[in-house]
Amino acid sequence: MDCARSIELLSDYDAGLLGDDDKLLVITHLSACADCDGVFRDLKLIVQTAFAMRSENGIAYPDEEVLWQRLSASRIVH
């Protein structure tokens, strides 16, 4: 799997929406590619932070899925 395809699937991977084959491909790619693994960790941190801030402050932040889609659309592939 190349980096572009891996990053494209990160949102669905994190949400548990991938089939077994794609899930295994993403897991394998993330274990071998430090750049994509870093992107995945950053995206998870962004989503977790947004969720925590929304919970603590009662502020309406964008839906996590919308964040994933926006980040995915503007991704930078190494």
PDB file of N, CA and C in Angstrom:
ATOM      1  N   MET A   1       0.859  -1.171   0.000  1.00  0.00           N
ATOM      2  CA  MET A   1       0.000   0.000   0.000  1.00  0.00           C
ATOM      3  C   MET A   1       0.902   1.229   0.000  1.00  0.00           C
ATOM      4  N   ASP A   2       0.539   2.219  -0.800  1.00  0.00           N
ATOM      5  CA  ASP A   2       1.328   3.441  -0.816  1.00  0.00           C
ATOM      6  C   ASP A   2       0.792   4.439   0.210  1.00  0.00           C
ATOM      7  N   CYS A   3       1.571   5.487   0.461  1.00  0.00           N
ATOM      8  CA  CYS A   3       1.217   6.463   1.489  1.00  0.00           C
ATOM      9  C   CYS A   3      -0.111   7.164   1.191  1.00  0.00           C
ATOM     10  N   ALA A   4      -0.340   7.517  -0.045  1.00  0.00           N
ATOM     11  CA  ALA A   4      -1.573   8.233  -0.400  1.00  0.00           C
ATOM     12  C   ALA A   4      -2.799   7.393  -0.052  1.00  0.00           C
ATOM     13  N   ARG A   5      -2.781   6.132  -0.387  1.00  0.00           N
ATOM     14  CA  ARG A   5      -3.921   5.251  -0.102  1.00  0.00           C
ATOM     15  C   ARG A   5      -4.065   5.028   1.397  1.00  0.00           C
ATOM     16  N   SER A   6      -2.952   4.873   2.081  1.00  0.00           N
ATOM     17  CA  SER A   6      -2.994   4.686   3.530  1.00  0.00           C
ATOM     18  C   SER A   6      -3.654   5.880   4.211  1.00  0.00           C
ATOM     19  N   ILE A   7      -3.215   7.066   3.866  1.00  0.00           N
ATOM     20  CA  ILE A   7      -3.767   8.278   4.483  1.00  0.00           C
ATOM     21  C   ILE A   7      -5.245   8.438   4.140  1.00  0.00           C
ATOM     22  N   GLU A   8      -5.605   8.048   2.937  1.00  0.00           N
ATOM     23  CA  GLU A   8      -7.003   8.115   2.519  1.00  0.00           C
ATOM     24  C   GLU A   8      -7.902   7.241   3.394  1.00  0.00           C
ATOM     25  N   LEU A   9      -7.359   6.151   3.908  1.00  0.00           N
ATOM     26  CA  LEU A   9      -8.144   5.202   4.693  1.00  0.00           C
ATOM     27  C   LEU A   9      -8.069   5.426   6.203  1.00  0.00           C
ATOM     28  N   LEU A  10      -7.264   6.378   6.658  1.00  0.00           N
ATOM     29  CA  LEU A  10      -7.058   6.542   8.097  1.00  0.00           C
ATOM     30  C   LEU A  10      -8.335   6.829   8.876  1.00  0.00           C
ATOM     31  N   SER A  11      -9.189   7.650   8.341  1.00  0.00           N
ATOM     32  CA  SER A  11     -10.430   7.976   9.042  1.00  0.00           C
ATOM     33  C   SER A  11     -11.292   6.734   9.241  1.00  0.00           C
ATOM     34  N   ASP A  12     -11.481   5.984   8.179  1.00  0.00           N
ATOM     35  CA  ASP A  12     -12.286   4.765   8.281  1.00  0.00           C
ATOM     36  C   ASP A  12     -11.599   3.726   9.162  1.00  0.00           C
ATOM     37  N   TYR A  13     -10.282   3.666   9.097  1.00  0.00           N
ATOM     38  CA  TYR A  13      -9.536   2.744   9.965  1.00  0.00           C
ATOM     39  C   TYR A  13      -9.770   3.098  11.430  1.00  0.00           C
ATOM     40  N   ASP A  14      -9.631   4.365  11.767  1.00  0.00           N
ATOM     41  CA  ASP A  14      -9.816   4.794  13.151  1.00  0.00           C
ATOM     42  C   ASP A  14     -11.243   4.545  13.632  1.00  0.00           C
ATOM     43  N   ALA A  15     -12.196   4.695  12.745  1.00  0.00           N
ATOM     44  CA  ALA A  15     -13.601   4.500  13.109  1.00  0.00           C
ATOM     45  C   ALA A  15     -14.010   3.023  13.101  1.00  0.00           C
ATOM     46  N   GLY A  16     -13.107   2.138  12.690  1.00  0.00           N
ATOM     47  CA  GLY A  16     -13.426   0.714  12.652  1.00  0.00           C
ATOM     48  C   GLY A  16     -14.325   0.327  11.497  1.00  0.00           C
ATOM     49  N   LEU A  17     -14.271   1.085  10.421  1.00  0.00           N
ATOM     50  CA  LEU A  17     -15.179   0.863   9.302  1.00  0.00           C
ATOM     51  C   LEU A  17     -14.567   0.091   8.136  1.00  0.00           C
ATOM     52  N   LEU A  18     -13.281  -0.253   8.235  1.00  0.00           N
ATOM     53  CA  LEU A  18     -12.629  -0.954   7.130  1.00  0.00           C
ATOM     54  C   LEU A  18     -12.902  -2.456   7.191  1.00  0.00           C
ATOM     55  N   GLY A  19     -12.931  -3.055   6.021  1.00  0.00           N
ATOM     56  CA  GLY A  19     -12.988  -4.505   5.955  1.00  0.00           C
ATOM     57  C   GLY A  19     -11.652  -5.085   6.416  1.00  0.00           C
ATOM     58  N   ASP A  20     -11.640  -6.364   6.636  1.00  0.00           N
ATOM     59  CA  ASP A  20     -10.437  -7.016   7.162  1.00  0.00           C
ATOM     60  C   ASP A  20      -9.212  -6.812   6.274  1.00  0.00           C
ATOM     61  N   ASP A  21      -9.387  -6.907   4.951  1.00  0.00           N
ATOM     62  CA  ASP A  21      -8.245  -6.768   4.038  1.00  0.00           C
ATOM     63  C   ASP A  21      -7.640  -5.376   4.105  1.00  0.00           C
ATOM     64  N   ASP A  22      -8.485  -4.347   3.998  1.00  0.00           N
ATOM     65  CA  ASP A  22      -7.977  -2.968   4.061  1.00  0.00           C
ATOM     66  C   ASP A  22      -7.400  -2.659   5.433  1.00  0.00           C
ATOM     67  N   LYS A  23      -8.039  -3.165   6.472  1.00  0.00           N
ATOM     68  CA  LYS A  23      -7.536  -2.937   7.827  1.00  0.00           C
ATOM     69  C   LYS A  23      -6.123  -3.499   7.978  1.00  0.00           C
ATOM     70  N   LEU A  24      -5.915  -4.701   7.502  1.00  0.00           N
ATOM     71  CA  LEU A  24      -4.606  -5.322   7.589  1.00  0.00           C
ATOM     72  C   LEU A  24      -3.572  -4.535   6.777  1.00  0.00           C
ATOM     73  N   LEU A  25      -3.967  -4.055   5.602  1.00  0.00           N
ATOM     74  CA  LEU A  25      -3.049  -3.258   4.780  1.00  0.00           C
ATOM     75  C   LEU A  25      -2.648  -1.969   5.487  1.00  0.00           C
ATOM     76  N   VAL A  26      -3.612  -1.299   6.122  1.00  0.00           N
ATOM     77  CA  VAL A  26      -3.304  -0.060   6.834  1.00  0.00           C
ATOM     78  C   VAL A  26      -2.396  -0.347   8.030  1.00  0.00           C
ATOM     79  N   ILE A  27      -2.722  -1.366   8.807  1.00  0.00           N
ATOM     80  CA  ILE A  27      -1.904  -1.715   9.963  1.00  0.00           C
ATOM     81  C   ILE A  27      -0.472  -2.019   9.526  1.00  0.00           C
ATOM     82  N   THR A  28      -0.333  -2.793   8.483  1.00  0.00           N
ATOM     83  CA  THR A  28       0.990  -3.152   7.977  1.00  0.00           C
ATOM     84  C   THR A  28       1.738  -1.918   7.504  1.00  0.00           C
ATOM     85  N   HIS A  29       1.051  -1.047   6.772  1.00  0.00           N
ATOM     86  CA  HIS A  29       1.701   0.162   6.271  1.00  0.00           C
ATOM     87  C   HIS A  29       2.117   1.075   7.420  1.00  0.00           C
ATOM     88  N   LEU A  30       1.240   1.278   8.397  1.00  0.00           N
ATOM     89  CA  LEU A  30       1.577   2.149   9.528  1.00  0.00           C
ATOM     90  C   LEU A  30       2.758   1.608  10.326  1.00  0.00           C
ATOM     91  N   SER A  31       2.876   0.298  10.405  1.00  0.00           N
ATOM     92  CA  SER A  31       3.997  -0.278  11.155  1.00  0.00           C
ATOM     93  C   SER A  31       5.324  -0.116  10.416  1.00  0.00           C
ATOM     94  N   ALA A  32       5.257   0.069   9.101  1.00  0.00           N
ATOM     95  CA  ALA A  32       6.475   0.182   8.299  1.00  0.00           C
ATOM     96  C   ALA A  32       6.799   1.616   7.882  1.00  0.00           C
ATOM     97  N   CYS A  33       5.845   2.524   7.981  1.00  0.00           N
ATOM     98  CA  CYS A  33       6.031   3.888   7.473  1.00  0.00           C
ATOM     99  C   CYS A  33       5.890   4.893   8.615  1.00  0.00           C
ATOM    100  N   ALA A  34       7.007   5.417   9.048  1.00  0.00           N
ATOM    101  CA  ALA A  34       6.998   6.365  10.163  1.00  0.00           C
ATOM    102  C   ALA A  34       6.241   7.644   9.816  1.00  0.00           C
ATOM    103  N   ASP A  35       6.304   8.080   8.561  1.00  0.00           N
ATOM    104  CA  ASP A  35       5.594   9.300   8.163  1.00  0.00           C
ATOM    105  C   ASP A  35       4.085   9.144   8.306  1.00  0.00           C
ATOM    106  N   CYS A  36       3.542   8.064   7.771  1.00  0.00           N
ATOM    107  CA  CYS A  36       2.093   7.849   7.852  1.00  0.00           C
ATOM    108  C   CYS A  36       1.655   7.566   9.287  1.00  0.00           C
ATOM    109  N   ASP A  37       2.471   6.844  10.032  1.00  0.00           N
ATOM    110  CA  ASP A  37       2.151   6.598  11.429  1.00  0.00           C
ATOM    111  C   ASP A  37       2.105   7.928  12.186  1.00  0.00           C
ATOM    112  N   GLY A  38       3.014   8.831  11.873  1.00  0.00           N
ATOM    113  CA  GLY A  38       3.006  10.155  12.504  1.00  0.00           C
ATOM    114  C   GLY A  38       1.756  10.937  12.150  1.00  0.00           C
ATOM    115  N   VAL A  39       1.332  10.862  10.892  1.00  0.00           N
ATOM    116  CA  VAL A  39       0.095  11.534  10.465  1.00  0.00           C
ATOM    117  C   VAL A  39      -1.085  10.957  11.238  1.00  0.00           C
ATOM    118  N   PHE A  40      -1.127   9.637  11.356  1.00  0.00           N
ATOM    119  CA  PHE A  40      -2.232   8.990  12.071  1.00  0.00           C
ATOM    120  C   PHE A  40      -2.257   9.409  13.533  1.00  0.00           C
ATOM    121  N   ARG A  41      -1.103   9.440  14.172  1.00  0.00           N
ATOM    122  CA  ARG A  41      -1.036   9.858  15.575  1.00  0.00           C
ATOM    123  C   ARG A  41      -1.465  11.328  15.735  1.00  0.00           C
ATOM    124  N   ASP A  42      -1.030  12.174  14.815  1.00  0.00           N
ATOM    125  CA  ASP A  42      -1.423  13.588  14.865  1.00  0.00           C
ATOM    126  C   ASP A  42      -2.932  13.749  14.693  1.00  0.00           C
ATOM    127  N   LEU A  43      -3.499  13.020  13.745  1.00  0.00           N
ATOM    128  CA  LEU A  43      -4.939  13.120  13.504  1.00  0.00           C
ATOM    129  C   LEU A  43      -5.726  12.633  14.715  1.00  0.00           C
ATOM    130  N   LYS A  44      -5.284  11.545  15.323  1.00  0.00           N
ATOM    131  CA  LYS A  44      -5.963  11.043  16.525  1.00  0.00           C
ATOM    132  C   LYS A  44      -5.884  12.071  17.649  1.00  0.00           C
ATOM    133  N   LEU A  45      -4.732  12.698  17.805  1.00  0.00           N
ATOM    134  CA  LEU A  45      -4.567  13.709  18.843  1.00  0.00           C
ATOM    135  C   LEU A  45      -5.490  14.903  18.600  1.00  0.00           C
ATOM    136  N   ILE A  46      -5.603  15.327  17.364  1.00  0.00           N
ATOM    137  CA  ILE A  46      -6.488  16.442  17.021  1.00  0.00           C
ATOM    138  C   ILE A  46      -7.930  16.096  17.379  1.00  0.00           C
ATOM    139  N   VAL A  47      -8.373  14.913  16.996  1.00  0.00           N
ATOM    140  CA  VAL A  47      -9.747  14.497  17.277  1.00  0.00           C
ATOM    141  C   VAL A  47      -9.975  14.371  18.779  1.00  0.00           C
ATOM    142  N   GLN A  48      -9.033  13.764  19.486  1.00  0.00           N
ATOM    143  CA  GLN A  48      -9.172  13.603  20.933  1.00  0.00           C
ATOM    144  C   GLN A  48      -9.193  14.953  21.641  1.00  0.00           C
ATOM    145  N   THR A  49      -8.353  15.873  21.191  1.00  0.00           N
ATOM    146  CA  THR A  49      -8.315  17.206  21.795  1.00  0.00           C
ATOM    147  C   THR A  49      -9.624  17.948  21.549  1.00  0.00           C
ATOM    148  N   ALA A  50     -10.125  17.870  20.335  1.00  0.00           N
ATOM    149  CA  ALA A  50     -11.397  18.528  20.024  1.00  0.00           C
ATOM    150  C   ALA A  50     -12.523  17.948  20.880  1.00  0.00           C
ATOM    151  N   PHE A  51     -12.536  16.637  21.046  1.00  0.00           N
ATOM    152  CA  PHE A  51     -13.558  15.994  21.865  1.00  0.00           C
ATOM    153  C   PHE A  51     -13.448  16.442  23.321  1.00  0.00           C
ATOM    154  N   ALA A  52     -12.220  16.478  23.841  1.00  0.00           N
ATOM    155  CA  ALA A  52     -12.013  16.887  25.235  1.00  0.00           C
ATOM    156  C   ALA A  52     -12.425  18.340  25.445  1.00  0.00           C
ATOM    157  N   MET A  53     -12.065  19.196  24.507  1.00  0.00           N
ATOM    158  CA  MET A  53     -12.424  20.615  24.642  1.00  0.00           C
ATOM    159  C   MET A  53     -13.923  20.808  24.578  1.00  0.00           C
ATOM    160  N   ARG A  54     -14.555  20.076  23.695  1.00  0.00           N
ATOM    161  CA  ARG A  54     -16.012  20.174  23.576  1.00  0.00           C
ATOM    162  C   ARG A  54     -16.661  19.693  24.863  1.00  0.00           C
ATOM    163  N   SER A  55     -16.161  18.619  25.431  1.00  0.00           N
ATOM    164  CA  SER A  55     -16.732  18.067  26.656  1.00  0.00           C
ATOM    165  C   SER A  55     -16.526  18.994  27.846  1.00  0.00           C
ATOM    166  N   GLU A  56     -15.324  19.555  27.959  1.00  0.00           N
ATOM    167  CA  GLU A  56     -14.992  20.412  29.095  1.00  0.00           C
ATOM    168  C   GLU A  56     -15.710  21.754  29.041  1.00  0.00           C
ATOM    169  N   ASN A  57     -15.806  22.323  27.884  1.00  0.00           N
ATOM    170  CA  ASN A  57     -16.318  23.680  27.740  1.00  0.00           C
ATOM    171  C   ASN A  57     -17.759  23.758  27.269  1.00  0.00           C
ATOM    172  N   GLY A  58     -18.309  22.641  26.877  1.00  0.00           N
ATOM    173  CA  GLY A  58     -19.658  22.666  26.344  1.00  0.00           C
ATOM    174  C   GLY A  58     -19.760  23.431  25.028  1.00  0.00           C
ATOM    175  N   ILE A  59     -18.627  23.594  24.368  1.00  0.00           N
ATOM    176  CA  ILE A  59     -18.583  24.335  23.107  1.00  0.00           C
ATOM    177  C   ILE A  59     -18.815  23.363  21.957  1.00  0.00           C
ATOM    178  N   ALA A  60     -19.575  23.785  20.991  1.00  0.00           N
ATOM    179  CA  ALA A  60     -19.840  22.948  19.825  1.00  0.00           C
ATOM    180  C   ALA A  60     -18.692  23.072  18.836  1.00  0.00           C
ATOM    181  N   TYR A  61     -17.918  22.028  18.708  1.00  0.00           N
ATOM    182  CA  TYR A  61     -16.836  21.964  17.735  1.00  0.00           C
ATOM    183  C   TYR A  61     -17.297  21.134  16.558  1.00  0.00           C
ATOM    184  N   PRO A  62     -16.591  21.222  15.447  1.00  0.00           N
ATOM    185  CA  PRO A  62     -16.976  20.407  14.289  1.00  0.00           C
ATOM    186  C   PRO A  62     -16.962  18.923  14.625  1.00  0.00           C
ATOM    187  N   ASP A  63     -17.830  18.203  14.002  1.00  0.00           N
ATOM    188  CA  ASP A  63     -17.895  16.765  14.151  1.00  0.00           C
ATOM    189  C   ASP A  63     -16.540  16.151  13.790  1.00  0.00           C
ATOM    190  N   GLU A  64     -16.128  15.125  14.533  1.00  0.00           N
ATOM    191  CA  GLU A  64     -14.841  14.496  14.287  1.00  0.00           C
ATOM    192  C   GLU A  64     -14.727  13.972  12.862  1.00  0.00           C
ATOM    193  N   GLU A  65     -15.800  13.421  12.325  1.00  0.00           N
ATOM    194  CA  GLU A  65     -15.774  12.913  10.954  1.00  0.00           C
ATOM    195  C   GLU A  65     -15.487  14.042   9.970  1.00  0.00           C
ATOM    196  N   VAL A  66     -16.047  15.209  10.219  1.00  0.00           N
ATOM    197  CA  VAL A  66     -15.780  16.364   9.358  1.00  0.00           C
ATOM    198  C   VAL A  66     -14.305  16.745   9.442  1.00  0.00           C
ATOM    199  N   LEU A  67     -13.733  16.711  10.654  1.00  0.00           N
ATOM    200  CA  LEU A  67     -12.309  17.007  10.800  1.00  0.00           C
ATOM    201  C   LEU A  67     -11.464  16.024  10.003  1.00  0.00           C
ATOM    202  N   TRP A  68     -11.768  14.726  10.124  1.00  0.00           N
ATOM    203  CA  TRP A  68     -11.023  13.715   9.379  1.00  0.00           C
ATOM    204  C   TRP A  68     -11.120  13.985   7.880  1.00  0.00           C
ATOM    205  N   GLN A  69     -12.312  14.301   7.399  1.00  0.00           N
ATOM    206  CA  GLN A  69     -12.501  14.537   5.970  1.00  0.00           C
ATOM    207  C   GLN A  69     -11.711  15.754   5.504  1.00  0.00           C
ATOM    208  N   ARG A  70     -11.743  16.823   6.288  1.00  0.00           N
ATOM    209  CA  ARG A  70     -10.991  18.020   5.916  1.00  0.00           C
ATOM    210  C   ARG A  70      -9.497  17.752   5.910  1.00  0.00           C
ATOM    211  N   LEU A  71      -9.018  17.058   6.929  1.00  0.00           N
ATOM    212  CA  LEU A  71      -7.586  16.751   6.986  1.00  0.00           C
ATOM    213  C   LEU A  71      -7.179  15.805   5.866  1.00  0.00           C
ATOM    214  N   SER A  72      -8.040  14.853   5.577  1.00  0.00           N
ATOM    215  CA  SER A  72      -7.754  13.910   4.508  1.00  0.00           C
ATOM    216  C   SER A  72      -7.711  14.623   3.154  1.00  0.00           C
ATOM    217  N   ALA A  73      -8.618  15.561   2.956  1.00  0.00           N
ATOM    218  CA  ALA A  73      -8.678  16.285   1.692  1.00  0.00           C
ATOM    219  C   ALA A  73      -7.463  17.176   1.485  1.00  0.00           C
ATOM    220  N   SER A  74      -6.869  17.635   2.571  1.00  0.00           N
ATOM    221  CA  SER A  74      -5.728  18.541   2.455  1.00  0.00           C
ATOM    222  C   SER A  74      -4.420  17.868   2.826  1.00  0.00           C
ATOM    223  N   ARG A  75      -4.401  16.549   2.770  1.00  0.00           N
ATOM    224  CA  ARG A  75      -3.231  15.790   3.214  1.00  0.00           C
ATOM    225  C   ARG A  75      -1.992  16.099   2.376  1.00  0.00           C
ATOM    226  N   ILE A  76      -0.874  15.935   3.060  1.00  0.00           N
ATOM    227  CA  ILE A  76       0.421  16.044   2.383  1.00  0.00           C
ATOM    228  C   ILE A  76       1.054  14.674   2.449  1.00  0.00           C
ATOM    229  N   VAL A  77       1.358  14.129   1.295  1.00  0.00           N
ATOM    230  CA  VAL A  77       1.932  12.803   1.214  1.00  0.00           C
ATOM    231  C   VAL A  77       3.423  12.948   0.938  1.00  0.00           C
ATOM    232  N   HIS A  78       4.196  12.210   1.710  1.00  0.00           N
ATOM    233  CA  HIS A  78       5.659  12.246   1.550  1.00  0.00           C
ATOM    234  C   HIS A  78       6.091  11.231   0.540  1.00  0.00           C
TER     235      HIS A  78
END
